[in-house]
């Protein structure tokens, strides 16, 4: 997980998970609409997952 991705996840979470698939983008986008903090947390969890 690079520093640029972490910064992107903090500023605009859906952009950080752009290459992780459509489902991840939708989930992070919906969580970001509900609140900025849940979107950031979801983006960081998805980025930190080594399986994807």
N, C-alpha and C. Protein backbone atom coordinates (compact mmCIF):
# COMPACT_ATOMS: atom_id res chain seq x y z
N UNK A 1 0.86 -1.17 0.00
CA UNK A 1 0.00 0.00 0.00
C UNK A 1 0.90 1.22 0.00
N UNK A 2 0.84 2.01 -1.06
CA UNK A 2 1.71 3.17 -1.19
C UNK A 2 1.13 4.39 -0.49
N UNK A 3 2.00 5.33 -0.24
CA UNK A 3 1.58 6.57 0.42
C UNK A 3 0.58 7.34 -0.44
N UNK A 4 0.75 7.28 -1.75
CA UNK A 4 -0.17 7.98 -2.64
C UNK A 4 -1.58 7.39 -2.56
N UNK A 5 -1.67 6.07 -2.47
CA UNK A 5 -2.98 5.42 -2.34
C UNK A 5 -3.64 5.76 -1.01
N UNK A 6 -2.86 5.81 0.05
CA UNK A 6 -3.42 6.17 1.36
C UNK A 6 -3.93 7.60 1.34
N UNK A 7 -3.17 8.49 0.76
CA UNK A 7 -3.60 9.89 0.65
C UNK A 7 -4.86 10.00 -0.20
N UNK A 8 -4.91 9.24 -1.29
CA UNK A 8 -6.09 9.23 -2.14
C UNK A 8 -7.30 8.65 -1.40
N UNK A 9 -7.07 7.62 -0.59
CA UNK A 9 -8.15 7.02 0.19
C UNK A 9 -8.69 8.00 1.22
N UNK A 10 -7.85 8.85 1.73
CA UNK A 10 -8.30 9.84 2.71
C UNK A 10 -9.05 10.99 2.04
N UNK A 11 -8.57 11.44 0.89
CA UNK A 11 -9.20 12.57 0.22
C UNK A 11 -10.45 12.18 -0.57
N UNK A 12 -10.38 11.12 -1.34
CA UNK A 12 -11.52 10.67 -2.14
C UNK A 12 -11.49 9.15 -2.23
N UNK A 13 -12.14 8.47 -1.29
CA UNK A 13 -12.03 7.02 -1.16
C UNK A 13 -12.37 6.19 -2.40
N UNK A 14 -13.41 6.52 -3.18
CA UNK A 14 -13.69 5.66 -4.34
C UNK A 14 -12.57 5.66 -5.38
N UNK A 15 -11.84 6.74 -5.50
CA UNK A 15 -10.74 6.80 -6.45
C UNK A 15 -9.59 5.89 -6.05
N UNK A 16 -9.41 5.67 -4.77
CA UNK A 16 -8.32 4.83 -4.30
C UNK A 16 -8.53 3.36 -4.63
N UNK A 17 -9.77 2.91 -4.71
CA UNK A 17 -10.06 1.50 -4.99
C UNK A 17 -10.48 1.30 -6.45
N UNK A 18 -10.09 2.19 -7.32
CA UNK A 18 -10.50 2.17 -8.72
C UNK A 18 -10.14 0.87 -9.43
N UNK A 19 -8.98 0.31 -9.16
CA UNK A 19 -8.53 -0.90 -9.86
C UNK A 19 -8.89 -2.19 -9.12
N UNK A 20 -9.68 -2.09 -8.04
CA UNK A 20 -10.05 -3.28 -7.27
C UNK A 20 -11.35 -3.91 -7.72
N UNK A 21 -12.02 -3.32 -8.68
CA UNK A 21 -13.25 -3.90 -9.21
C UNK A 21 -14.45 -3.00 -8.99
N UNK A 22 -15.47 -3.26 -9.77
CA UNK A 22 -16.68 -2.44 -9.73
C UNK A 22 -17.40 -2.54 -8.39
N UNK A 23 -17.45 -3.72 -7.81
CA UNK A 23 -18.14 -3.90 -6.54
C UNK A 23 -17.50 -3.10 -5.42
N UNK A 24 -16.19 -3.07 -5.40
CA UNK A 24 -15.48 -2.30 -4.37
C UNK A 24 -15.74 -0.80 -4.52
N UNK A 25 -15.75 -0.35 -5.76
CA UNK A 25 -16.00 1.08 -6.01
C UNK A 25 -17.40 1.46 -5.54
N UNK A 26 -18.38 0.62 -5.85
CA UNK A 26 -19.76 0.92 -5.47
C UNK A 26 -19.93 0.92 -3.96
N UNK A 27 -19.35 -0.08 -3.30
CA UNK A 27 -19.46 -0.15 -1.84
C UNK A 27 -18.82 1.06 -1.19
N UNK A 28 -17.62 1.40 -1.61
CA UNK A 28 -16.92 2.54 -1.02
C UNK A 28 -17.65 3.84 -1.34
N UNK A 29 -18.20 3.96 -2.55
CA UNK A 29 -18.93 5.16 -2.91
C UNK A 29 -20.18 5.33 -2.05
N UNK A 30 -20.92 4.23 -1.85
CA UNK A 30 -22.13 4.32 -1.03
C UNK A 30 -21.78 4.64 0.43
N UNK A 31 -20.73 4.04 0.94
CA UNK A 31 -20.31 4.36 2.31
C UNK A 31 -19.83 5.80 2.42
N UNK A 32 -19.20 6.30 1.38
CA UNK A 32 -18.76 7.70 1.40
C UNK A 32 -19.96 8.64 1.38
N UNK A 33 -21.02 8.26 0.67
CA UNK A 33 -22.24 9.07 0.68
C UNK A 33 -22.88 9.09 2.06
N UNK A 34 -22.80 7.96 2.76
CA UNK A 34 -23.36 7.90 4.12
C UNK A 34 -22.55 8.72 5.11
N UNK A 35 -21.30 8.80 4.86
CA UNK A 35 -20.41 9.56 5.73
C UNK A 35 -18.98 9.39 5.25
N UNK A 36 -18.19 10.41 5.41
CA UNK A 36 -16.84 10.38 4.89
C UNK A 36 -15.98 9.34 5.60
N UNK A 37 -16.11 9.24 6.91
CA UNK A 37 -15.29 8.32 7.71
C UNK A 37 -15.54 6.86 7.33
N UNK A 38 -16.79 6.39 7.19
CA UNK A 38 -16.98 4.99 6.78
C UNK A 38 -16.38 4.68 5.40
N UNK A 39 -16.43 5.64 4.50
CA UNK A 39 -15.83 5.46 3.18
C UNK A 39 -14.32 5.33 3.25
N UNK A 40 -13.70 6.14 4.08
CA UNK A 40 -12.24 6.09 4.26
C UNK A 40 -11.84 4.76 4.89
N UNK A 41 -12.57 4.33 5.91
CA UNK A 41 -12.24 3.07 6.58
C UNK A 41 -12.39 1.90 5.61
N UNK A 42 -13.47 1.88 4.83
CA UNK A 42 -13.68 0.79 3.87
C UNK A 42 -12.58 0.79 2.80
N UNK A 43 -12.21 1.96 2.32
CA UNK A 43 -11.16 2.04 1.30
C UNK A 43 -9.83 1.53 1.85
N UNK A 44 -9.50 1.90 3.07
CA UNK A 44 -8.24 1.45 3.65
C UNK A 44 -8.27 -0.06 3.91
N UNK A 45 -9.40 -0.60 4.29
CA UNK A 45 -9.51 -2.06 4.50
C UNK A 45 -9.34 -2.78 3.17
N UNK A 46 -9.98 -2.29 2.12
CA UNK A 46 -9.88 -2.93 0.81
C UNK A 46 -8.45 -2.83 0.29
N UNK A 47 -7.80 -1.69 0.47
CA UNK A 47 -6.43 -1.54 0.01
C UNK A 47 -5.46 -2.41 0.81
N UNK A 48 -5.76 -2.67 2.06
CA UNK A 48 -4.86 -3.44 2.90
C UNK A 48 -5.06 -4.95 2.75
N UNK A 49 -6.10 -5.38 2.04
CA UNK A 49 -6.38 -6.80 1.84
C UNK A 49 -5.37 -7.38 0.84
N UNK A 50 -4.52 -8.31 1.24
CA UNK A 50 -3.49 -8.83 0.34
C UNK A 50 -4.03 -9.81 -0.72
N UNK A 51 -5.23 -10.33 -0.53
CA UNK A 51 -5.79 -11.31 -1.45
C UNK A 51 -6.29 -10.69 -2.75
N UNK A 52 -6.59 -9.42 -2.75
CA UNK A 52 -7.17 -8.78 -3.94
C UNK A 52 -6.18 -7.93 -4.65
